[in-house]
Amino acid sequence: MPKKGDKKKVDRTATSTIECTINLHKRLHKKTFKERCPRAIREIRKFALQQMGTPDIRLTVQLNQFLWSRGIRNVPRRVRVRLSRKRNDDQNATHKTFTMVSHVPVAGYKELKTVRVKDEQ
């Protein structure tokens, strides 16, 4: 019988993909206008690090354009993202895996849950 406090070990080197919603509104509350969009990008990176456990995080161009679409001040309140942990093919890489964060366009954010997506490989 497992002891209280024992946690299951998660393999941080295996490839996996999840799709989840990030509430940027609560992460940007009371932030200066000129700091909001850069802060949103940092918060997405922090969220991806927490979820996937890889320090090498890369954002797609589409996600960056979605965040900056309304300017530096008016960042979207929520964003739906797909976090994909992939193997790093570079020989000189310091980390074995990296996380690719891509934007998933949705009509509305109601009733959306975090979903584990099957890999396309």
PDB file of N, CA and C in Angstrom:
ATOM      1  N   MET A   1       0.839  -1.175   0.000  1.00  0.00           N
ATOM      2  CA  MET A   1       0.000   0.000   0.000  1.00  0.00           C
ATOM      3  C   MET A   1       0.888   1.245   0.000  1.00  0.00           C
ATOM      4  N   PRO A   2       0.610   2.199  -0.894  1.00  0.00           N
ATOM      5  CA  PRO A   2       1.452   3.392  -0.937  1.00  0.00           C
ATOM      6  C   PRO A   2       1.286   4.239   0.307  1.00  0.00           C
ATOM      7  N   LYS A   3       2.389   4.827   0.720  1.00  0.00           N
ATOM      8  CA  LYS A   3       2.353   5.691   1.890  1.00  0.00           C
ATOM      9  C   LYS A   3       1.751   7.037   1.527  1.00  0.00           C
ATOM     10  N   LYS A   4       1.254   7.712   2.538  1.00  0.00           N
ATOM     11  CA  LYS A   4       0.679   9.030   2.335  1.00  0.00           C
ATOM     12  C   LYS A   4       1.783   9.988   1.909  1.00  0.00           C
ATOM     13  N   GLY A   5       1.521  10.742   0.849  1.00  0.00           N
ATOM     14  CA  GLY A   5       2.507  11.687   0.365  1.00  0.00           C
ATOM     15  C   GLY A   5       3.336  11.154  -0.788  1.00  0.00           C
ATOM     16  N   ASP A   6       3.262   9.840  -1.069  1.00  0.00           N
ATOM     17  CA  ASP A   6       3.984   9.293  -2.215  1.00  0.00           C
ATOM     18  C   ASP A   6       3.315   9.761  -3.493  1.00  0.00           C
ATOM     19  N   LYS A   7       4.125  10.214  -4.436  1.00  0.00           N
ATOM     20  CA  LYS A   7       3.588  10.670  -5.706  1.00  0.00           C
ATOM     21  C   LYS A   7       4.110   9.784  -6.814  1.00  0.00           C
ATOM     22  N   LYS A   8       3.300   9.660  -7.844  1.00  0.00           N
ATOM     23  CA  LYS A   8       3.688   8.862  -8.987  1.00  0.00           C
ATOM     24  C   LYS A   8       4.751   9.612  -9.783  1.00  0.00           C
ATOM     25  N   LYS A   9       5.791   8.914 -10.184  1.00  0.00           N
ATOM     26  CA  LYS A   9       6.858   9.522 -10.972  1.00  0.00           C
ATOM     27  C   LYS A   9       6.359   9.735 -12.400  1.00  0.00           C
ATOM     28  N   VAL A  10       6.612  10.909 -12.945  1.00  0.00           N
ATOM     29  CA  VAL A  10       6.218  11.238 -14.304  1.00  0.00           C
ATOM     30  C   VAL A  10       7.466  11.279 -15.164  1.00  0.00           C
ATOM     31  N   ASP A  11       7.408  10.617 -16.308  1.00  0.00           N
ATOM     32  CA  ASP A  11       8.544  10.608 -17.227  1.00  0.00           C
ATOM     33  C   ASP A  11       8.555  11.920 -18.002  1.00  0.00           C
ATOM     34  N   ARG A  12       9.505  12.802 -17.696  1.00  0.00           N
ATOM     35  CA  ARG A  12       9.578  14.117 -18.328  1.00  0.00           C
ATOM     36  C   ARG A  12      10.274  14.070 -19.686  1.00  0.00           C
ATOM     37  N   THR A  13      10.807  12.916 -20.067  1.00  0.00           N
ATOM     38  CA  THR A  13      11.471  12.810 -21.361  1.00  0.00           C
ATOM     39  C   THR A  13      10.564  12.220 -22.429  1.00  0.00           C
ATOM     40  N   ALA A  14       9.429  11.658 -22.048  1.00  0.00           N
ATOM     41  CA  ALA A  14       8.513  11.064 -23.026  1.00  0.00           C
ATOM     42  C   ALA A  14       7.733  12.168 -23.742  1.00  0.00           C
ATOM     43  N   THR A  15       7.417  11.929 -25.007  1.00  0.00           N
ATOM     44  CA  THR A  15       6.634  12.913 -25.760  1.00  0.00           C
ATOM     45  C   THR A  15       5.175  12.804 -25.364  1.00  0.00           C
ATOM     46  N   SER A  16       4.534  13.948 -25.214  1.00  0.00           N
ATOM     47  CA  SER A  16       3.108  13.980 -24.899  1.00  0.00           C
ATOM     48  C   SER A  16       2.549  15.341 -25.301  1.00  0.00           C
ATOM     49  N   THR A  17       1.217  15.393 -25.425  1.00  0.00           N
ATOM     50  CA  THR A  17       0.553  16.622 -25.847  1.00  0.00           C
ATOM     51  C   THR A  17      -0.702  16.821 -25.015  1.00  0.00           C
ATOM     52  N   ILE A  18      -0.888  18.040 -24.490  1.00  0.00           N
ATOM     53  CA  ILE A  18      -2.129  18.387 -23.812  1.00  0.00           C
ATOM     54  C   ILE A  18      -2.666  19.691 -24.395  1.00  0.00           C
ATOM     55  N   GLU A  19      -3.973  19.831 -24.284  1.00  0.00           N
ATOM     56  CA  GLU A  19      -4.650  21.035 -24.763  1.00  0.00           C
ATOM     57  C   GLU A  19      -5.379  21.642 -23.572  1.00  0.00           C
ATOM     58  N   CYS A  20      -5.089  22.903 -23.267  1.00  0.00           N
ATOM     59  CA  CYS A  20      -5.669  23.516 -22.084  1.00  0.00           C
ATOM     60  C   CYS A  20      -5.891  25.009 -22.301  1.00  0.00           C
ATOM     61  N   THR A  21      -6.685  25.590 -21.403  1.00  0.00           N
ATOM     62  CA  THR A  21      -7.002  27.010 -21.453  1.00  0.00           C
ATOM     63  C   THR A  21      -6.205  27.730 -20.373  1.00  0.00           C
ATOM     64  N   ILE A  22      -5.586  28.845 -20.733  1.00  0.00           N
ATOM     65  CA  ILE A  22      -4.835  29.663 -19.771  1.00  0.00           C
ATOM     66  C   ILE A  22      -5.615  30.953 -19.557  1.00  0.00           C
ATOM     67  N   ASN A  23      -5.935  31.246 -18.307  1.00  0.00           N
ATOM     68  CA  ASN A  23      -6.626  32.475 -17.954  1.00  0.00           C
ATOM     69  C   ASN A  23      -5.576  33.565 -17.740  1.00  0.00           C
ATOM     70  N   LEU A  24      -5.406  34.386 -18.755  1.00  0.00           N
ATOM     71  CA  LEU A  24      -4.416  35.464 -18.670  1.00  0.00           C
ATOM     72  C   LEU A  24      -4.923  36.632 -17.835  1.00  0.00           C
ATOM     73  N   HIS A  25      -6.232  36.768 -17.736  1.00  0.00           N
ATOM     74  CA  HIS A  25      -6.814  37.908 -17.034  1.00  0.00           C
ATOM     75  C   HIS A  25      -6.346  37.957 -15.580  1.00  0.00           C
ATOM     76  N   LYS A  26      -6.367  36.811 -14.888  1.00  0.00           N
ATOM     77  CA  LYS A  26      -5.944  36.808 -13.484  1.00  0.00           C
ATOM     78  C   LYS A  26      -4.428  36.937 -13.347  1.00  0.00           C
ATOM     79  N   ARG A  27      -3.686  36.558 -14.376  1.00  0.00           N
ATOM     80  CA  ARG A  27      -2.233  36.667 -14.314  1.00  0.00           C
ATOM     81  C   ARG A  27      -1.737  38.074 -14.650  1.00  0.00           C
ATOM     82  N   LEU A  28      -2.578  38.877 -15.291  1.00  0.00           N
ATOM     83  CA  LEU A  28      -2.182  40.233 -15.680  1.00  0.00           C
ATOM     84  C   LEU A  28      -2.875  41.314 -14.853  1.00  0.00           C
ATOM     85  N   HIS A  29      -3.610  40.901 -13.821  1.00  0.00           N
ATOM     86  CA  HIS A  29      -4.334  41.859 -12.992  1.00  0.00           C
ATOM     87  C   HIS A  29      -3.369  42.833 -12.330  1.00  0.00           C
ATOM     88  N   LYS A  30      -3.686  44.123 -12.426  1.00  0.00           N
ATOM     89  CA  LYS A  30      -2.905  45.207 -11.835  1.00  0.00           C
ATOM     90  C   LYS A  30      -1.491  45.312 -12.406  1.00  0.00           C
ATOM     91  N   LYS A  31      -1.314  44.973 -13.672  1.00  0.00           N
ATOM     92  CA  LYS A  31      -0.024  45.152 -14.329  1.00  0.00           C
ATOM     93  C   LYS A  31      -0.076  46.406 -15.192  1.00  0.00           C
ATOM     94  N   THR A  32       1.050  47.075 -15.330  1.00  0.00           N
ATOM     95  CA  THR A  32       1.148  48.279 -16.126  1.00  0.00           C
ATOM     96  C   THR A  32       0.782  47.983 -17.575  1.00  0.00           C
ATOM     97  N   PHE A  33       0.118  48.932 -18.229  1.00  0.00           N
ATOM     98  CA  PHE A  33      -0.342  48.738 -19.609  1.00  0.00           C
ATOM     99  C   PHE A  33       0.785  48.313 -20.539  1.00  0.00           C
ATOM    100  N   LYS A  34       1.905  48.988 -20.485  1.00  0.00           N
ATOM    101  CA  LYS A  34       2.991  48.699 -21.414  1.00  0.00           C
ATOM    102  C   LYS A  34       3.708  47.392 -21.105  1.00  0.00           C
ATOM    103  N   GLU A  35       3.360  46.753 -20.002  1.00  0.00           N
ATOM    104  CA  GLU A  35       4.003  45.510 -19.603  1.00  0.00           C
ATOM    105  C   GLU A  35       3.087  44.302 -19.809  1.00  0.00           C
ATOM    106  N   ARG A  36       1.831  44.507 -20.217  1.00  0.00           N
ATOM    107  CA  ARG A  36       0.848  43.431 -20.221  1.00  0.00           C
ATOM    108  C   ARG A  36       1.145  42.309 -21.225  1.00  0.00           C
ATOM    109  N   CYS A  37       1.379  42.622 -22.477  1.00  0.00           N
ATOM    110  CA  CYS A  37       1.605  41.564 -23.471  1.00  0.00           C
ATOM    111  C   CYS A  37       2.942  40.838 -23.251  1.00  0.00           C
ATOM    112  N   PRO A  38       4.039  41.532 -22.982  1.00  0.00           N
ATOM    113  CA  PRO A  38       5.260  40.801 -22.648  1.00  0.00           C
ATOM    114  C   PRO A  38       5.106  39.932 -21.399  1.00  0.00           C
ATOM    115  N   ARG A  39       4.348  40.413 -20.421  1.00  0.00           N
ATOM    116  CA  ARG A  39       4.099  39.637 -19.212  1.00  0.00           C
ATOM    117  C   ARG A  39       3.265  38.396 -19.539  1.00  0.00           C
ATOM    118  N   ALA A  40       2.292  38.534 -20.451  1.00  0.00           N
ATOM    119  CA  ALA A  40       1.463  37.395 -20.854  1.00  0.00           C
ATOM    120  C   ALA A  40       2.322  36.290 -21.467  1.00  0.00           C
ATOM    121  N   ILE A  41       3.291  36.668 -22.269  1.00  0.00           N
ATOM    122  CA  ILE A  41       4.187  35.678 -22.877  1.00  0.00           C
ATOM    123  C   ILE A  41       5.016  34.979 -21.800  1.00  0.00           C
ATOM    124  N   ARG A  42       5.507  35.736 -20.829  1.00  0.00           N
ATOM    125  CA  ARG A  42       6.267  35.126 -19.726  1.00  0.00           C
ATOM    126  C   ARG A  42       5.385  34.193 -18.901  1.00  0.00           C
ATOM    127  N   GLU A  43       4.128  34.587 -18.677  1.00  0.00           N
ATOM    128  CA  GLU A  43       3.211  33.746 -17.898  1.00  0.00           C
ATOM    129  C   GLU A  43       2.874  32.452 -18.640  1.00  0.00           C
ATOM    130  N   ILE A  44       2.751  32.511 -19.963  1.00  0.00           N
ATOM    131  CA  ILE A  44       2.507  31.298 -20.750  1.00  0.00           C
ATOM    132  C   ILE A  44       3.713  30.367 -20.647  1.00  0.00           C
ATOM    133  N   ARG A  45       4.918  30.936 -20.710  1.00  0.00           N
ATOM    134  CA  ARG A  45       6.130  30.122 -20.560  1.00  0.00           C
ATOM    135  C   ARG A  45       6.188  29.475 -19.175  1.00  0.00           C
ATOM    136  N   LYS A  46       5.819  30.232 -18.157  1.00  0.00           N
ATOM    137  CA  LYS A  46       5.825  29.703 -16.791  1.00  0.00           C
ATOM    138  C   LYS A  46       4.804  28.580 -16.624  1.00  0.00           C
ATOM    139  N   PHE A  47       3.613  28.761 -17.222  1.00  0.00           N
ATOM    140  CA  PHE A  47       2.573  27.742 -17.183  1.00  0.00           C
ATOM    141  C   PHE A  47       3.036  26.467 -17.893  1.00  0.00           C
ATOM    142  N   ALA A  48       3.686  26.624 -19.050  1.00  0.00           N
ATOM    143  CA  ALA A  48       4.166  25.465 -19.812  1.00  0.00           C
ATOM    144  C   ALA A  48       5.263  24.726 -19.045  1.00  0.00           C
ATOM    145  N   LEU A  49       6.136  25.455 -18.378  1.00  0.00           N
ATOM    146  CA  LEU A  49       7.173  24.828 -17.561  1.00  0.00           C
ATOM    147  C   LEU A  49       6.557  24.015 -16.436  1.00  0.00           C
ATOM    148  N   GLN A  50       5.537  24.564 -15.793  1.00  0.00           N
ATOM    149  CA  GLN A  50       4.869  23.877 -14.692  1.00  0.00           C
ATOM    150  C   GLN A  50       4.159  22.614 -15.179  1.00  0.00           C
ATOM    151  N   GLN A  51       3.507  22.681 -16.337  1.00  0.00           N
ATOM    152  CA  GLN A  51       2.739  21.553 -16.839  1.00  0.00           C
ATOM    153  C   GLN A  51       3.625  20.460 -17.439  1.00  0.00           C
ATOM    154  N   MET A  52       4.625  20.858 -18.225  1.00  0.00           N
ATOM    155  CA  MET A  52       5.403  19.881 -18.995  1.00  0.00           C
ATOM    156  C   MET A  52       6.769  19.565 -18.391  1.00  0.00           C
ATOM    157  N   GLY A  53       7.310  20.460 -17.593  1.00  0.00           N
ATOM    158  CA  GLY A  53       8.570  20.182 -16.912  1.00  0.00           C
ATOM    159  C   GLY A  53       9.805  20.312 -17.773  1.00  0.00           C
ATOM    160  N   THR A  54       9.727  21.001 -18.897  1.00  0.00           N
ATOM    161  CA  THR A  54      10.910  21.212 -19.735  1.00  0.00           C
ATOM    162  C   THR A  54      11.259  22.702 -19.736  1.00  0.00           C
ATOM    163  N   PRO A  55      12.500  23.047 -19.451  1.00  0.00           N
ATOM    164  CA  PRO A  55      12.863  24.474 -19.409  1.00  0.00           C
ATOM    165  C   PRO A  55      12.954  25.125 -20.782  1.00  0.00           C
ATOM    166  N   ASP A  56      13.118  24.323 -21.852  1.00  0.00           N
ATOM    167  CA  ASP A  56      13.192  24.861 -23.211  1.00  0.00           C
ATOM    168  C   ASP A  56      11.770  24.957 -23.770  1.00  0.00           C
ATOM    169  N   ILE A  57      11.219  26.182 -23.859  1.00  0.00           N
ATOM    170  CA  ILE A  57       9.829  26.394 -24.287  1.00  0.00           C
ATOM    171  C   ILE A  57       9.829  27.305 -25.505  1.00  0.00           C
ATOM    172  N   ARG A  58       9.114  26.874 -26.557  1.00  0.00           N
ATOM    173  CA  ARG A  58       9.058  27.635 -27.809  1.00  0.00           C
ATOM    174  C   ARG A  58       7.606  27.949 -28.143  1.00  0.00           C
ATOM    175  N   LEU A  59       7.344  29.212 -28.460  1.00  0.00           N
ATOM    176  CA  LEU A  59       5.999  29.653 -28.839  1.00  0.00           C
ATOM    177  C   LEU A  59       5.913  29.777 -30.355  1.00  0.00           C
ATOM    178  N   THR A  60       4.761  29.416 -30.919  1.00  0.00           N
ATOM    179  CA  THR A  60       4.579  29.527 -32.359  1.00  0.00           C
ATOM    180  C   THR A  60       4.267  30.968 -32.740  1.00  0.00           C
ATOM    181  N   VAL A  61       4.440  31.263 -34.020  1.00  0.00           N
ATOM    182  CA  VAL A  61       4.177  32.603 -34.534  1.00  0.00           C
ATOM    183  C   VAL A  61       2.691  32.934 -34.414  1.00  0.00           C
ATOM    184  N   GLN A  62       1.817  31.944 -34.641  1.00  0.00           N
ATOM    185  CA  GLN A  62       0.372  32.170 -34.568  1.00  0.00           C
ATOM    186  C   GLN A  62      -0.068  32.562 -33.155  1.00  0.00           C
ATOM    187  N   LEU A  63       0.517  31.935 -32.144  1.00  0.00           N
ATOM    188  CA  LEU A  63       0.194  32.290 -30.761  1.00  0.00           C
ATOM    189  C   LEU A  63       0.666  33.703 -30.455  1.00  0.00           C
ATOM    190  N   ASN A  64       1.859  34.051 -30.898  1.00  0.00           N
ATOM    191  CA  ASN A  64       2.398  35.389 -30.676  1.00  0.00           C
ATOM    192  C   ASN A  64       1.526  36.446 -31.356  1.00  0.00           C
ATOM    193  N   GLN A  65       1.092  36.174 -32.584  1.00  0.00           N
ATOM    194  CA  GLN A  65       0.225  37.115 -33.294  1.00  0.00           C
ATOM    195  C   GLN A  65      -1.134  37.249 -32.614  1.00  0.00           C
ATOM    196  N   PHE A  66      -1.676  36.149 -32.078  1.00  0.00           N
ATOM    197  CA  PHE A  66      -2.949  36.219 -31.366  1.00  0.00           C
ATOM    198  C   PHE A  66      -2.828  37.085 -30.117  1.00  0.00           C
ATOM    199  N   LEU A  67      -1.735  36.950 -29.373  1.00  0.00           N
ATOM    200  CA  LEU A  67      -1.546  37.735 -28.151  1.00  0.00           C
ATOM    201  C   LEU A  67      -1.379  39.223 -28.458  1.00  0.00           C
ATOM    202  N   TRP A  68      -0.670  39.547 -29.540  1.00  0.00           N
ATOM    203  CA  TRP A  68      -0.402  40.935 -29.891  1.00  0.00           C
ATOM    204  C   TRP A  68      -1.478  41.529 -30.791  1.00  0.00           C
ATOM    205  N   SER A  69      -2.527  40.768 -31.152  1.00  0.00           N
ATOM    206  CA  SER A  69      -3.518  41.217 -32.142  1.00  0.00           C
ATOM    207  C   SER A  69      -4.267  42.476 -31.714  1.00  0.00           C
ATOM    208  N   ARG A  70      -4.448  42.690 -30.423  1.00  0.00           N
ATOM    209  CA  ARG A  70      -5.173  43.873 -29.953  1.00  0.00           C
ATOM    210  C   ARG A  70      -4.252  44.890 -29.298  1.00  0.00           C
ATOM    211  N   GLY A  71      -2.964  44.742 -29.523  1.00  0.00           N
ATOM    212  CA  GLY A  71      -2.007  45.708 -28.999  1.00  0.00           C
ATOM    213  C   GLY A  71      -1.361  45.250 -27.702  1.00  0.00           C
ATOM    214  N   ILE A  72      -0.519  46.109 -27.162  1.00  0.00           N
ATOM    215  CA  ILE A  72       0.242  45.771 -25.960  1.00  0.00           C
ATOM    216  C   ILE A  72      -0.628  45.830 -24.709  1.00  0.00           C
ATOM    217  N   ARG A  73      -1.689  46.659 -24.733  1.00  0.00           N
ATOM    218  CA  ARG A  73      -2.521  46.859 -23.545  1.00  0.00           C
ATOM    219  C   ARG A  73      -3.656  45.873 -23.418  1.00  0.00           C
ATOM    220  N   ASN A  74      -4.341  45.587 -24.533  1.00  0.00           N
ATOM    221  CA  ASN A  74      -5.583  44.815 -24.493  1.00  0.00           C
ATOM    222  C   ASN A  74      -5.344  43.350 -24.864  1.00  0.00           C
ATOM    223  N   VAL A  75      -4.709  42.646 -23.980  1.00  0.00           N
ATOM    224  CA  VAL A  75      -4.404  41.231 -24.197  1.00  0.00           C
ATOM    225  C   VAL A  75      -5.693  40.423 -24.017  1.00  0.00           C
ATOM    226  N   PRO A  76      -5.924  39.372 -24.833  1.00  0.00           N
ATOM    227  CA  PRO A  76      -7.117  38.539 -24.644  1.00  0.00           C
ATOM    228  C   PRO A  76      -7.165  37.961 -23.234  1.00  0.00           C
ATOM    229  N   ARG A  77      -8.379  37.826 -22.698  1.00  0.00           N
ATOM    230  CA  ARG A  77      -8.528  37.337 -21.328  1.00  0.00           C
ATOM    231  C   ARG A  77      -8.112  35.882 -21.167  1.00  0.00           C
ATOM    232  N   ARG A  78      -8.440  35.072 -22.151  1.00  0.00           N
ATOM    233  CA  ARG A  78      -8.090  33.657 -22.108  1.00  0.00           C
ATOM    234  C   ARG A  78      -7.477  33.254 -23.433  1.00  0.00           C
ATOM    235  N   VAL A  79      -6.713  32.179 -23.401  1.00  0.00           N
ATOM    236  CA  VAL A  79      -6.147  31.633 -24.631  1.00  0.00           C
ATOM    237  C   VAL A  79      -6.122  30.110 -24.495  1.00  0.00           C
ATOM    238  N   ARG A  80      -6.521  29.436 -25.552  1.00  0.00           N
ATOM    239  CA  ARG A  80      -6.495  27.967 -25.599  1.00  0.00           C
ATOM    240  C   ARG A  80      -5.203  27.561 -26.308  1.00  0.00           C
ATOM    241  N   VAL A  81      -4.405  26.738 -25.650  1.00  0.00           N
ATOM    242  CA  VAL A  81      -3.109  26.358 -26.194  1.00  0.00           C
ATOM    243  C   VAL A  81      -2.946  24.841 -26.220  1.00  0.00           C
ATOM    244  N   ARG A  82      -2.088  24.393 -27.120  1.00  0.00           N
ATOM    245  CA  ARG A  82      -1.686  22.987 -27.175  1.00  0.00           C
ATOM    246  C   ARG A  82      -0.217  22.933 -26.793  1.00  0.00           C
ATOM    247  N   LEU A  83       0.092  22.190 -25.717  1.00  0.00           N
ATOM    248  CA  LEU A  83       1.457  22.035 -25.225  1.00  0.00           C
ATOM    249  C   LEU A  83       1.973  20.672 -25.677  1.00  0.00           C
ATOM    250  N   SER A  84       3.012  20.669 -26.510  1.00  0.00           N
ATOM    251  CA  SER A  84       3.561  19.427 -27.049  1.00  0.00           C
ATOM    252  C   SER A  84       5.000  19.271 -26.592  1.00  0.00           C
ATOM    253  N   ARG A  85       5.250  18.204 -25.830  1.00  0.00           N
ATOM    254  CA  ARG A  85       6.621  17.906 -25.420  1.00  0.00           C
ATOM    255  C   ARG A  85       7.243  17.032 -26.504  1.00  0.00           C
ATOM    256  N   LYS A  86       8.372  17.491 -27.063  1.00  0.00           N
ATOM    257  CA  LYS A  86       9.018  16.797 -28.174  1.00  0.00           C
ATOM    258  C   LYS A  86      10.485  16.563 -27.868  1.00  0.00           C
ATOM    259  N   ARG A  87      11.053  15.583 -28.561  1.00  0.00           N
ATOM    260  CA  ARG A  87      12.474  15.313 -28.416  1.00  0.00           C
ATOM    261  C   ARG A  87      13.286  16.345 -29.187  1.00  0.00           C
ATOM    262  N   ASN A  88      14.423  16.729 -28.623  1.00  0.00           N
ATOM    263  CA  ASN A  88      15.300  17.699 -29.253  1.00  0.00           C
ATOM    264  C   ASN A  88      16.299  16.947 -30.132  1.00  0.00           C
ATOM    265  N   ASP A  89      16.264  17.217 -31.443  1.00  0.00           N
ATOM    266  CA  ASP A  89      17.129  16.510 -32.381  1.00  0.00           C
ATOM    267  C   ASP A  89      18.527  17.112 -32.479  1.00  0.00           C
ATOM    268  N   ASP A  90      18.709  18.282 -31.933  1.00  0.00           N
ATOM    269  CA  ASP A  90      19.998  18.950 -32.009  1.00  0.00           C
ATOM    270  C   ASP A  90      21.032  18.193 -31.167  1.00  0.00           C
ATOM    271  N   GLN A  91      22.196  17.958 -31.736  1.00  0.00           N
ATOM    272  CA  GLN A  91      23.242  17.205 -31.033  1.00  0.00           C
ATOM    273  C   GLN A  91      23.819  17.997 -29.859  1.00  0.00           C
ATOM    274  N   ASN A  92      23.901  19.320 -29.995  1.00  0.00           N
ATOM    275  CA  ASN A  92      24.524  20.155 -28.970  1.00  0.00           C
ATOM    276  C   ASN A  92      23.524  20.673 -27.942  1.00  0.00           C
ATOM    277  N   ALA A  93      22.314  20.169 -27.947  1.00  0.00           N
ATOM    278  CA  ALA A  93      21.272  20.687 -27.055  1.00  0.00           C
ATOM    279  C   ALA A  93      21.586  20.336 -25.601  1.00  0.00           C
ATOM    280  N   THR A  94      21.291  21.286 -24.710  1.00  0.00           N
ATOM    281  CA  THR A  94      21.528  21.040 -23.287  1.00  0.00           C
ATOM    282  C   THR A  94      20.390  20.236 -22.666  1.00  0.00           C
ATOM    283  N   HIS A  95      19.194  20.309 -23.263  1.00  0.00           N
ATOM    284  CA  HIS A  95      18.034  19.586 -22.745  1.00  0.00           C
ATOM    285  C   HIS A  95      17.589  18.545 -23.769  1.00  0.00           C
ATOM    286  N   LYS A  96      17.132  17.402 -23.291  1.00  0.00           N
ATOM    287  CA  LYS A  96      16.718  16.324 -24.189  1.00  0.00           C
ATOM    288  C   LYS A  96      15.392  16.616 -24.872  1.00  0.00           C
ATOM    289  N   THR A  97      14.520  17.375 -24.205  1.00  0.00           N
ATOM    290  CA  THR A  97      13.194  17.659 -24.756  1.00  0.00           C
ATOM    291  C   THR A  97      12.912  19.152 -24.710  1.00  0.00           C
ATOM    292  N   PHE A  98      11.943  19.567 -25.521  1.00  0.00           N
ATOM    293  CA  PHE A  98      11.468  20.946 -25.497  1.00  0.00           C
ATOM    294  C   PHE A  98       9.950  20.934 -25.597  1.00  0.00           C
ATOM    295  N   THR A  99       9.320  22.042 -25.245  1.00  0.00           N
ATOM    296  CA  THR A  99       7.869  22.175 -25.317  1.00  0.00           C
ATOM    297  C   THR A  99       7.513  23.192 -26.380  1.00  0.00           C
ATOM    298  N   MET A 100       6.644  22.779 -27.308  1.00  0.00           N
ATOM    299  CA  MET A 100       6.137  23.682 -28.346  1.00  0.00           C
ATOM    300  C   MET A 100       4.735  24.110 -27.920  1.00  0.00           C
ATOM    301  N   VAL A 101       4.518  25.419 -27.810  1.00  0.00           N
ATOM    302  CA  VAL A 101       3.228  25.968 -27.400  1.00  0.00           C
ATOM    303  C   VAL A 101       2.574  26.582 -28.631  1.00  0.00           C
ATOM    304  N   SER A 102       1.401  26.052 -29.009  1.00  0.00           N
ATOM    305  CA  SER A 102       0.713  26.561 -30.190  1.00  0.00           C
ATOM    306  C   SER A 102      -0.711  26.973 -29.836  1.00  0.00           C
ATOM    307  N   HIS A 103      -1.254  27.895 -30.606  1.00  0.00           N
ATOM    308  CA  HIS A 103      -2.587  28.440 -30.370  1.00  0.00           C
ATOM    309  C   HIS A 103      -3.640  27.521 -30.979  1.00  0.00           C
ATOM    310  N   VAL A 104      -4.745  27.307 -30.238  1.00  0.00           N
ATOM    311  CA  VAL A 104      -5.885  26.545 -30.742  1.00  0.00           C
ATOM    312  C   VAL A 104      -7.071  27.503 -30.798  1.00  0.00           C
ATOM    313  N   PRO A 105      -7.507  27.907 -32.004  1.00  0.00           N
ATOM    314  CA  PRO A 105      -8.645  28.834 -32.091  1.00  0.00           C
ATOM    315  C   PRO A 105      -9.945  28.141 -31.678  1.00  0.00           C
ATOM    316  N   VAL A 106     -10.710  28.781 -30.809  1.00  0.00           N
ATOM    317  CA  VAL A 106     -12.006  28.262 -30.362  1.00  0.00           C
ATOM    318  C   VAL A 106     -13.035  29.385 -30.409  1.00  0.00           C
ATOM    319  N   ALA A 107     -14.315  28.996 -30.544  1.00  0.00           N
ATOM    320  CA  ALA A 107     -15.395  29.985 -30.583  1.00  0.00           C
ATOM    321  C   ALA A 107     -15.668  30.545 -29.186  1.00  0.00           C
ATOM    322  N   GLY A 108     -15.664  29.671 -28.173  1.00  0.00           N
ATOM    323  CA  GLY A 108     -15.915  30.101 -26.804  1.00  0.00           C
ATOM    324  C   GLY A 108     -15.141  29.233 -25.833  1.00  0.00           C
ATOM    325  N   TYR A 109     -14.964  29.724 -24.622  1.00  0.00           N
ATOM    326  CA  TYR A 109     -14.158  29.011 -23.638  1.00  0.00           C
ATOM    327  C   TYR A 109     -14.997  28.280 -22.594  1.00  0.00           C
ATOM    328  N   LYS A 110     -16.313  28.338 -22.697  1.00  0.00           N
ATOM    329  CA  LYS A 110     -17.175  27.681 -21.718  1.00  0.00           C
ATOM    330  C   LYS A 110     -17.083  26.162 -21.860  1.00  0.00           C
ATOM    331  N   GLU A 111     -17.079  25.483 -20.732  1.00  0.00           N
ATOM    332  CA  GLU A 111     -17.133  24.019 -20.671  1.00  0.00           C
ATOM    333  C   GLU A 111     -15.929  23.328 -21.316  1.00  0.00           C
ATOM    334  N   LEU A 112     -14.816  24.018 -21.494  1.00  0.00           N
ATOM    335  CA  LEU A 112     -13.617  23.390 -22.047  1.00  0.00           C
ATOM    336  C   LEU A 112     -12.743  22.880 -20.907  1.00  0.00           C
ATOM    337  N   LYS A 113     -12.298  21.658 -21.030  1.00  0.00           N
ATOM    338  CA  LYS A 113     -11.452  21.036 -20.018  1.00  0.00           C
ATOM    339  C   LYS A 113     -10.063  20.797 -20.602  1.00  0.00           C
ATOM    340  N   THR A 114      -9.129  20.469 -19.719  1.00  0.00           N
ATOM    341  CA  THR A 114      -7.804  20.073 -20.175  1.00  0.00           C
ATOM    342  C   THR A 114      -7.899  18.666 -20.736  1.00  0.00           C
ATOM    343  N   VAL A 115      -7.364  18.490 -21.953  1.00  0.00           N
ATOM    344  CA  VAL A 115      -7.492  17.225 -22.667  1.00  0.00           C
ATOM    345  C   VAL A 115      -6.103  16.737 -23.057  1.00  0.00           C
ATOM    346  N   ARG A 116      -5.853  15.448 -22.839  1.00  0.00           N
ATOM    347  CA  ARG A 116      -4.614  14.851 -23.325  1.00  0.00           C
ATOM    348  C   ARG A 116      -4.843  14.401 -24.759  1.00  0.00           C
ATOM    349  N   VAL A 117      -4.053  14.925 -25.665  1.00  0.00           N
ATOM    350  CA  VAL A 117      -4.207  14.664 -27.102  1.00  0.00           C
ATOM    351  C   VAL A 117      -3.256  13.535 -27.482  1.00  0.00           C
ATOM    352  N   LYS A 118      -3.745  12.612 -28.307  1.00  0.00           N
ATOM    353  CA  LYS A 118      -2.872  11.536 -28.782  1.00  0.00           C
ATOM    354  C   LYS A 118      -1.877  12.094 -29.775  1.00  0.00           C
ATOM    355  N   ASP A 119      -0.647  11.627 -29.700  1.00  0.00           N
ATOM    356  CA  ASP A 119       0.399  12.118 -30.598  1.00  0.00           C
ATOM    357  C   ASP A 119       0.113  11.713 -32.030  1.00  0.00           C
ATOM    358  N   GLU A 120       0.475  12.581 -32.969  1.00  0.00           N
ATOM    359  CA  GLU A 120       0.219  12.345 -34.380  1.00  0.00           C
ATOM    360  C   GLU A 120       1.282  11.465 -35.011  1.00  0.00           C
ATOM    361  N   GLN A 121       2.289  11.045 -34.263  1.00  0.00           N
ATOM    362  CA  GLN A 121       3.397  10.265 -34.838  1.00  0.00           C
ATOM    363  C   GLN A 121       3.010   8.854 -35.126  1.00  0.00           C
TER     364      GLN A 121
END
